[in-house]
Amino acid sequence: MSAQPADQQVEDASIDAEITSLVADLIEEHEGFERAAFRALARSYLLLLAESGRLALDADRSCSRGFLRGLFSEGARPEREQES
């Protein structure tokens, strides 16, 4: 027996269903003109790539390269005493 009534539909939450729904919404937003919808999608994708590149450069500039490589200036940390 099913836990849901017969008239209630099961919602498909897979990634393919979500993508299909987004593409359908995009085409509907552009009044059925698929070329315009894909142009808008490509423009958004290129803007996203440019933004991610800018964020990566900002992250590189905000971190100490010596810290990232595990290198530190001499005397910046107290030396460990060697245990015999």
PDB file of N, CA and C in Angstrom:
ATOM      1  N   MET A   1       0.823  -1.181   0.000  1.00  0.00           N
ATOM      2  CA  MET A   1       0.000   0.000   0.000  1.00  0.00           C
ATOM      3  C   MET A   1       0.866   1.243   0.000  1.00  0.00           C
ATOM      4  N   SER A   2       0.390   2.252  -0.656  1.00  0.00           N
ATOM      5  CA  SER A   2       1.104   3.520  -0.730  1.00  0.00           C
ATOM      6  C   SER A   2       0.681   4.420   0.419  1.00  0.00           C
ATOM      7  N   ALA A   3       1.626   5.202   0.913  1.00  0.00           N
ATOM      8  CA  ALA A   3       1.342   6.114   2.010  1.00  0.00           C
ATOM      9  C   ALA A   3       0.694   7.412   1.523  1.00  0.00           C
ATOM     10  N   GLN A   4       0.696   7.639   0.204  1.00  0.00           N
ATOM     11  CA  GLN A   4       0.126   8.860  -0.350  1.00  0.00           C
ATOM     12  C   GLN A   4      -1.169   8.548  -1.082  1.00  0.00           C
ATOM     13  N   PRO A   5      -2.107   9.510  -1.064  1.00  0.00           N
ATOM     14  CA  PRO A   5      -3.340   9.303  -1.835  1.00  0.00           C
ATOM     15  C   PRO A   5      -3.029   9.176  -3.327  1.00  0.00           C
ATOM     16  N   ALA A   6      -3.907   8.533  -4.068  1.00  0.00           N
ATOM     17  CA  ALA A   6      -3.674   8.271  -5.487  1.00  0.00           C
ATOM     18  C   ALA A   6      -3.608   9.541  -6.320  1.00  0.00           C
ATOM     19  N   ASP A   7      -4.319  10.587  -5.905  1.00  0.00           N
ATOM     20  CA  ASP A   7      -4.323  11.804  -6.712  1.00  0.00           C
ATOM     21  C   ASP A   7      -3.140  12.733  -6.426  1.00  0.00           C
ATOM     22  N   GLN A   8      -2.350  12.431  -5.427  1.00  0.00           N
ATOM     23  CA  GLN A   8      -1.184  13.263  -5.091  1.00  0.00           C
ATOM     24  C   GLN A   8       0.049  12.751  -5.836  1.00  0.00           C
ATOM     25  N   GLN A   9       0.734  13.658  -6.546  1.00  0.00           N
ATOM     26  CA  GLN A   9       1.900  13.264  -7.320  1.00  0.00           C
ATOM     27  C   GLN A   9       3.152  13.325  -6.460  1.00  0.00           C
ATOM     28  N   VAL A  10       4.083  12.432  -6.748  1.00  0.00           N
ATOM     29  CA  VAL A  10       5.362  12.423  -6.059  1.00  0.00           C
ATOM     30  C   VAL A  10       6.272  13.406  -6.766  1.00  0.00           C
ATOM     31  N   GLU A  11       6.902  14.286  -5.995  1.00  0.00           N
ATOM     32  CA  GLU A  11       7.771  15.296  -6.576  1.00  0.00           C
ATOM     33  C   GLU A  11       9.158  14.699  -6.836  1.00  0.00           C
ATOM     34  N   ASP A  12       9.640  14.874  -8.060  1.00  0.00           N
ATOM     35  CA  ASP A  12      10.958  14.372  -8.442  1.00  0.00           C
ATOM     36  C   ASP A  12      11.994  15.415  -8.043  1.00  0.00           C
ATOM     37  N   ALA A  13      12.858  15.088  -7.095  1.00  0.00           N
ATOM     38  CA  ALA A  13      13.837  16.043  -6.571  1.00  0.00           C
ATOM     39  C   ALA A  13      15.239  15.778  -7.112  1.00  0.00           C
ATOM     40  N   SER A  14      15.361  15.017  -8.188  1.00  0.00           N
ATOM     41  CA  SER A  14      16.684  14.734  -8.723  1.00  0.00           C
ATOM     42  C   SER A  14      17.247  15.960  -9.422  1.00  0.00           C
ATOM     43  N   ILE A  15      18.535  15.969  -9.611  1.00  0.00           N
ATOM     44  CA  ILE A  15      19.204  17.097 -10.261  1.00  0.00           C
ATOM     45  C   ILE A  15      18.746  17.238 -11.711  1.00  0.00           C
ATOM     46  N   ASP A  16      18.495  16.119 -12.389  1.00  0.00           N
ATOM     47  CA  ASP A  16      18.014  16.174 -13.777  1.00  0.00           C
ATOM     48  C   ASP A  16      16.648  16.840 -13.865  1.00  0.00           C
ATOM     49  N   ALA A  17      15.780  16.539 -12.931  1.00  0.00           N
ATOM     50  CA  ALA A  17      14.454  17.155 -12.922  1.00  0.00           C
ATOM     51  C   ALA A  17      14.558  18.647 -12.648  1.00  0.00           C
ATOM     52  N   GLU A  18      15.466  19.032 -11.765  1.00  0.00           N
ATOM     53  CA  GLU A  18      15.653  20.449 -11.450  1.00  0.00           C
ATOM     54  C   GLU A  18      16.200  21.209 -12.658  1.00  0.00           C
ATOM     55  N   ILE A  19      17.162  20.616 -13.354  1.00  0.00           N
ATOM     56  CA  ILE A  19      17.731  21.254 -14.550  1.00  0.00           C
ATOM     57  C   ILE A  19      16.674  21.380 -15.641  1.00  0.00           C
ATOM     58  N   THR A  20      15.903  20.330 -15.849  1.00  0.00           N
ATOM     59  CA  THR A  20      14.840  20.356 -16.855  1.00  0.00           C
ATOM     60  C   THR A  20      13.835  21.465 -16.549  1.00  0.00           C
ATOM     61  N   SER A  21      13.486  21.603 -15.297  1.00  0.00           N
ATOM     62  CA  SER A  21      12.553  22.642 -14.886  1.00  0.00           C
ATOM     63  C   SER A  21      13.147  24.037 -15.099  1.00  0.00           C
ATOM     64  N   LEU A  22      14.418  24.218 -14.768  1.00  0.00           N
ATOM     65  CA  LEU A  22      15.071  25.516 -14.956  1.00  0.00           C
ATOM     66  C   LEU A  22      15.167  25.897 -16.431  1.00  0.00           C
ATOM     67  N   VAL A  23      15.481  24.931 -17.290  1.00  0.00           N
ATOM     68  CA  VAL A  23      15.560  25.197 -18.726  1.00  0.00           C
ATOM     69  C   VAL A  23      14.181  25.569 -19.272  1.00  0.00           C
ATOM     70  N   ALA A  24      13.152  24.850 -18.844  1.00  0.00           N
ATOM     71  CA  ALA A  24      11.791  25.157 -19.284  1.00  0.00           C
ATOM     72  C   ALA A  24      11.385  26.561 -18.836  1.00  0.00           C
ATOM     73  N   ASP A  25      11.723  26.926 -17.598  1.00  0.00           N
ATOM     74  CA  ASP A  25      11.417  28.272 -17.101  1.00  0.00           C
ATOM     75  C   ASP A  25      12.166  29.335 -17.887  1.00  0.00           C
ATOM     76  N   LEU A  26      13.414  29.066 -18.229  1.00  0.00           N
ATOM     77  CA  LEU A  26      14.223  30.016 -18.982  1.00  0.00           C
ATOM     78  C   LEU A  26      13.652  30.251 -20.382  1.00  0.00           C
ATOM     79  N   ILE A  27      13.247  29.176 -21.037  1.00  0.00           N
ATOM     80  CA  ILE A  27      12.655  29.296 -22.376  1.00  0.00           C
ATOM     81  C   ILE A  27      11.317  30.042 -22.294  1.00  0.00           C
ATOM     82  N   GLU A  28      10.546  29.745 -21.263  1.00  0.00           N
ATOM     83  CA  GLU A  28       9.266  30.442 -21.084  1.00  0.00           C
ATOM     84  C   GLU A  28       9.496  31.931 -20.814  1.00  0.00           C
ATOM     85  N   GLU A  29      10.519  32.253 -20.042  1.00  0.00           N
ATOM     86  CA  GLU A  29      10.848  33.654 -19.734  1.00  0.00           C
ATOM     87  C   GLU A  29      11.206  34.429 -21.004  1.00  0.00           C
ATOM     88  N   HIS A  30      11.802  33.729 -21.978  1.00  0.00           N
ATOM     89  CA  HIS A  30      12.192  34.360 -23.242  1.00  0.00           C
ATOM     90  C   HIS A  30      11.157  34.111 -24.341  1.00  0.00           C
ATOM     91  N   GLU A  31       9.906  33.868 -23.914  1.00  0.00           N
ATOM     92  CA  GLU A  31       8.745  33.732 -24.800  1.00  0.00           C
ATOM     93  C   GLU A  31       8.927  32.677 -25.886  1.00  0.00           C
ATOM     94  N   GLY A  32       9.587  31.587 -25.547  1.00  0.00           N
ATOM     95  CA  GLY A  32       9.740  30.471 -26.469  1.00  0.00           C
ATOM     96  C   GLY A  32      10.912  30.587 -27.417  1.00  0.00           C
ATOM     97  N   PHE A  33      11.663  31.671 -27.353  1.00  0.00           N
ATOM     98  CA  PHE A  33      12.821  31.834 -28.225  1.00  0.00           C
ATOM     99  C   PHE A  33      14.026  31.150 -27.581  1.00  0.00           C
ATOM    100  N   GLU A  34      14.310  29.933 -28.059  1.00  0.00           N
ATOM    101  CA  GLU A  34      15.374  29.133 -27.460  1.00  0.00           C
ATOM    102  C   GLU A  34      16.742  29.781 -27.617  1.00  0.00           C
ATOM    103  N   ARG A  35      16.969  30.406 -28.765  1.00  0.00           N
ATOM    104  CA  ARG A  35      18.267  31.043 -29.005  1.00  0.00           C
ATOM    105  C   ARG A  35      18.514  32.171 -27.992  1.00  0.00           C
ATOM    106  N   ALA A  36      17.490  32.971 -27.710  1.00  0.00           N
ATOM    107  CA  ALA A  36      17.613  34.051 -26.726  1.00  0.00           C
ATOM    108  C   ALA A  36      17.831  33.480 -25.323  1.00  0.00           C
ATOM    109  N   ALA A  37      17.161  32.378 -25.029  1.00  0.00           N
ATOM    110  CA  ALA A  37      17.328  31.743 -23.717  1.00  0.00           C
ATOM    111  C   ALA A  37      18.745  31.219 -23.539  1.00  0.00           C
ATOM    112  N   PHE A  38      19.274  30.576 -24.566  1.00  0.00           N
ATOM    113  CA  PHE A  38      20.636  30.061 -24.466  1.00  0.00           C
ATOM    114  C   PHE A  38      21.668  31.185 -24.448  1.00  0.00           C
ATOM    115  N   ARG A  39      21.382  32.281 -25.137  1.00  0.00           N
ATOM    116  CA  ARG A  39      22.277  33.439 -25.101  1.00  0.00           C
ATOM    117  C   ARG A  39      22.331  34.002 -23.672  1.00  0.00           C
ATOM    118  N   ALA A  40      21.176  34.111 -23.028  1.00  0.00           N
ATOM    119  CA  ALA A  40      21.120  34.602 -21.649  1.00  0.00           C
ATOM    120  C   ALA A  40      21.846  33.646 -20.704  1.00  0.00           C
ATOM    121  N   LEU A  41      21.688  32.356 -20.937  1.00  0.00           N
ATOM    122  CA  LEU A  41      22.369  31.358 -20.119  1.00  0.00           C
ATOM    123  C   LEU A  41      23.878  31.441 -20.287  1.00  0.00           C
ATOM    124  N   ALA A  42      24.344  31.601 -21.521  1.00  0.00           N
ATOM    125  CA  ALA A  42      25.779  31.728 -21.783  1.00  0.00           C
ATOM    126  C   ALA A  42      26.341  33.002 -21.163  1.00  0.00           C
ATOM    127  N   ARG A  43      25.587  34.094 -21.248  1.00  0.00           N
ATOM    128  CA  ARG A  43      26.034  35.356 -20.655  1.00  0.00           C
ATOM    129  C   ARG A  43      26.183  35.203 -19.138  1.00  0.00           C
ATOM    130  N   SER A  44      25.219  34.571 -18.490  1.00  0.00           N
ATOM    131  CA  SER A  44      25.284  34.352 -17.047  1.00  0.00           C
ATOM    132  C   SER A  44      26.472  33.470 -16.679  1.00  0.00           C
ATOM    133  N   TYR A  45      26.709  32.455 -17.482  1.00  0.00           N
ATOM    134  CA  TYR A  45      27.828  31.540 -17.238  1.00  0.00           C
ATOM    135  C   TYR A  45      29.165  32.278 -17.335  1.00  0.00           C
ATOM    136  N   LEU A  46      29.321  33.113 -18.361  1.00  0.00           N
ATOM    137  CA  LEU A  46      30.571  33.858 -18.526  1.00  0.00           C
ATOM    138  C   LEU A  46      30.779  34.868 -17.401  1.00  0.00           C
ATOM    139  N   LEU A  47      29.697  35.511 -16.960  1.00  0.00           N
ATOM    140  CA  LEU A  47      29.813  36.425 -15.825  1.00  0.00           C
ATOM    141  C   LEU A  47      30.202  35.680 -14.555  1.00  0.00           C
ATOM    142  N   LEU A  48      29.658  34.496 -14.367  1.00  0.00           N
ATOM    143  CA  LEU A  48      30.002  33.677 -13.206  1.00  0.00           C
ATOM    144  C   LEU A  48      31.469  33.252 -13.239  1.00  0.00           C
ATOM    145  N   LEU A  49      31.967  32.880 -14.419  1.00  0.00           N
ATOM    146  CA  LEU A  49      33.382  32.518 -14.545  1.00  0.00           C
ATOM    147  C   LEU A  49      34.289  33.698 -14.232  1.00  0.00           C
ATOM    148  N   ALA A  50      33.934  34.870 -14.735  1.00  0.00           N
ATOM    149  CA  ALA A  50      34.740  36.067 -14.471  1.00  0.00           C
ATOM    150  C   ALA A  50      34.739  36.395 -12.981  1.00  0.00           C
ATOM    151  N   GLU A  51      33.597  36.266 -12.344  1.00  0.00           N
ATOM    152  CA  GLU A  51      33.503  36.553 -10.909  1.00  0.00           C
ATOM    153  C   GLU A  51      34.306  35.538 -10.094  1.00  0.00           C
ATOM    154  N   SER A  52      34.248  34.265 -10.472  1.00  0.00           N
ATOM    155  CA  SER A  52      35.010  33.263  -9.723  1.00  0.00           C
ATOM    156  C   SER A  52      36.511  33.485  -9.900  1.00  0.00           C
ATOM    157  N   GLY A  53      36.928  33.932 -11.083  1.00  0.00           N
ATOM    158  CA  GLY A  53      38.342  34.256 -11.292  1.00  0.00           C
ATOM    159  C   GLY A  53      38.775  35.436 -10.456  1.00  0.00           C
ATOM    160  N   ARG A  54      37.905  36.446 -10.361  1.00  0.00           N
ATOM    161  CA  ARG A  54      38.223  37.614  -9.544  1.00  0.00           C
ATOM    162  C   ARG A  54      38.309  37.234  -8.065  1.00  0.00           C
ATOM    163  N   LEU A  55      37.402  36.385  -7.614  1.00  0.00           N
ATOM    164  CA  LEU A  55      37.426  35.949  -6.219  1.00  0.00           C
ATOM    165  C   LEU A  55      38.673  35.132  -5.915  1.00  0.00           C
ATOM    166  N   ALA A  56      39.113  34.316  -6.867  1.00  0.00           N
ATOM    167  CA  ALA A  56      40.329  33.527  -6.671  1.00  0.00           C
ATOM    168  C   ALA A  56      41.545  34.437  -6.551  1.00  0.00           C
ATOM    169  N   LEU A  57      41.608  35.491  -7.377  1.00  0.00           N
ATOM    170  CA  LEU A  57      42.718  36.439  -7.281  1.00  0.00           C
ATOM    171  C   LEU A  57      42.700  37.183  -5.951  1.00  0.00           C
ATOM    172  N   ASP A  58      41.523  37.573  -5.492  1.00  0.00           N
ATOM    173  CA  ASP A  58      41.415  38.236  -4.196  1.00  0.00           C
ATOM    174  C   ASP A  58      41.872  37.313  -3.073  1.00  0.00           C
ATOM    175  N   ALA A  59      41.517  36.049  -3.153  1.00  0.00           N
ATOM    176  CA  ALA A  59      41.931  35.096  -2.125  1.00  0.00           C
ATOM    177  C   ALA A  59      43.438  34.916  -2.133  1.00  0.00           C
ATOM    178  N   ASP A  60      44.048  34.875  -3.325  1.00  0.00           N
ATOM    179  CA  ASP A  60      45.502  34.747  -3.408  1.00  0.00           C
ATOM    180  C   ASP A  60      46.192  35.950  -2.785  1.00  0.00           C
ATOM    181  N   ARG A  61      45.651  37.138  -3.014  1.00  0.00           N
ATOM    182  CA  ARG A  61      46.279  38.349  -2.487  1.00  0.00           C
ATOM    183  C   ARG A  61      46.084  38.482  -0.990  1.00  0.00           C
ATOM    184  N   SER A  62      45.051  37.872  -0.422  1.00  0.00           N
ATOM    185  CA  SER A  62      44.755  38.061   0.991  1.00  0.00           C
ATOM    186  C   SER A  62      45.467  37.049   1.887  1.00  0.00           C
ATOM    187  N   CYS A  63      46.156  36.084   1.319  1.00  0.00           N
ATOM    188  CA  CYS A  63      46.844  35.068   2.110  1.00  0.00           C
ATOM    189  C   CYS A  63      48.355  35.235   1.985  1.00  0.00           C
ATOM    190  N   SER A  64      49.028  34.919   3.050  1.00  0.00           N
ATOM    191  CA  SER A  64      50.480  34.939   3.032  1.00  0.00           C
ATOM    192  C   SER A  64      50.978  33.741   2.244  1.00  0.00           C
ATOM    193  N   ARG A  65      51.766  33.995   1.226  1.00  0.00           N
ATOM    194  CA  ARG A  65      52.297  32.894   0.418  1.00  0.00           C
ATOM    195  C   ARG A  65      53.225  32.014   1.249  1.00  0.00           C
ATOM    196  N   GLY A  66      53.971  32.604   2.161  1.00  0.00           N
ATOM    197  CA  GLY A  66      54.841  31.813   3.041  1.00  0.00           C
ATOM    198  C   GLY A  66      54.043  30.874   3.908  1.00  0.00           C
ATOM    199  N   PHE A  67      52.905  31.345   4.414  1.00  0.00           N
ATOM    200  CA  PHE A  67      52.058  30.489   5.237  1.00  0.00           C
ATOM    201  C   PHE A  67      51.485  29.354   4.411  1.00  0.00           C
ATOM    202  N   LEU A  68      51.034  29.666   3.194  1.00  0.00           N
ATOM    203  CA  LEU A  68      50.434  28.643   2.355  1.00  0.00           C
ATOM    204  C   LEU A  68      51.437  27.564   1.961  1.00  0.00           C
ATOM    205  N   ARG A  69      52.692  27.935   1.817  1.00  0.00           N
ATOM    206  CA  ARG A  69      53.712  26.955   1.442  1.00  0.00           C
ATOM    207  C   ARG A  69      54.354  26.300   2.658  1.00  0.00           C
ATOM    208  N   GLY A  70      53.985  26.765   3.846  1.00  0.00           N
ATOM    209  CA  GLY A  70      54.561  26.202   5.051  1.00  0.00           C
ATOM    210  C   GLY A  70      55.916  26.805   5.376  1.00  0.00           C
ATOM    211  N   LEU A  71      56.268  27.928   4.751  1.00  0.00           N
ATOM    212  CA  LEU A  71      57.545  28.584   4.984  1.00  0.00           C
ATOM    213  C   LEU A  71      57.335  29.806   5.871  1.00  0.00           C
ATOM    214  N   PHE A  72      58.273  30.030   6.760  1.00  0.00           N
ATOM    215  CA  PHE A  72      58.173  31.179   7.645  1.00  0.00           C
ATOM    216  C   PHE A  72      59.521  31.864   7.708  1.00  0.00           C
ATOM    217  N   SER A  73      59.507  33.154   8.004  1.00  0.00           N
ATOM    218  CA  SER A  73      60.747  33.910   8.131  1.00  0.00           C
ATOM    219  C   SER A  73      61.545  33.390   9.323  1.00  0.00           C
ATOM    220  N   GLU A  74      62.861  33.499   9.200  1.00  0.00           N
ATOM    221  CA  GLU A  74      63.710  33.075  10.315  1.00  0.00           C
ATOM    222  C   GLU A  74      63.410  33.929  11.522  1.00  0.00           C
ATOM    223  N   GLY A  75      63.276  33.313  12.670  1.00  0.00           N
ATOM    224  CA  GLY A  75      63.023  34.038  13.901  1.00  0.00           C
ATOM    225  C   GLY A  75      61.572  34.396  14.123  1.00  0.00           C
ATOM    226  N   ALA A  76      60.711  34.084  13.188  1.00  0.00           N
ATOM    227  CA  ALA A  76      59.303  34.433  13.351  1.00  0.00           C
ATOM    228  C   ALA A  76      58.629  33.536  14.377  1.00  0.00           C
ATOM    229  N   ARG A  77      59.154  32.360  14.550  1.00  0.00           N
ATOM    230  CA  ARG A  77      58.621  31.426  15.557  1.00  0.00           C
ATOM    231  C   ARG A  77      59.745  31.015  16.473  1.00  0.00           C
ATOM    232  N   PRO A  78      59.405  30.785  17.718  1.00  0.00           N
ATOM    233  CA  PRO A  78      60.447  30.286  18.622  1.00  0.00           C
ATOM    234  C   PRO A  78      60.897  28.901  18.184  1.00  0.00           C
ATOM    235  N   GLU A  79      62.195  28.656  18.279  1.00  0.00           N
ATOM    236  CA  GLU A  79      62.716  27.359  17.873  1.00  0.00           C
ATOM    237  C   GLU A  79      62.357  26.299  18.900  1.00  0.00           C
ATOM    238  N   ARG A  80      62.055  25.106  18.423  1.00  0.00           N
ATOM    239  CA  ARG A  80      61.795  23.988  19.319  1.00  0.00           C
ATOM    240  C   ARG A  80      63.104  23.447  19.846  1.00  0.00           C
ATOM    241  N   GLU A  81      63.053  23.089  21.096  1.00  0.00           N
ATOM    242  CA  GLU A  81      64.258  22.477  21.661  1.00  0.00           C
ATOM    243  C   GLU A  81      64.294  21.018  21.259  1.00  0.00           C
ATOM    244  N   GLN A  82      65.466  20.574  20.830  1.00  0.00           N
ATOM    245  CA  GLN A  82      65.638  19.184  20.412  1.00  0.00           C
ATOM    246  C   GLN A  82      65.609  18.280  21.627  1.00  0.00           C
ATOM    247  N   GLU A  83      64.768  17.267  21.602  1.00  0.00           N
ATOM    248  CA  GLU A  83      64.764  16.295  22.687  1.00  0.00           C
ATOM    249  C   GLU A  83      65.723  15.185  22.345  1.00  0.00           C
ATOM    250  N   SER A  84      66.526  14.804  23.305  1.00  0.00           N
ATOM    251  CA  SER A  84      67.536  13.770  23.063  1.00  0.00           C
ATOM    252  C   SER A  84      66.976  12.402  23.273  1.00  0.00           C
TER     253      SER A  84
END
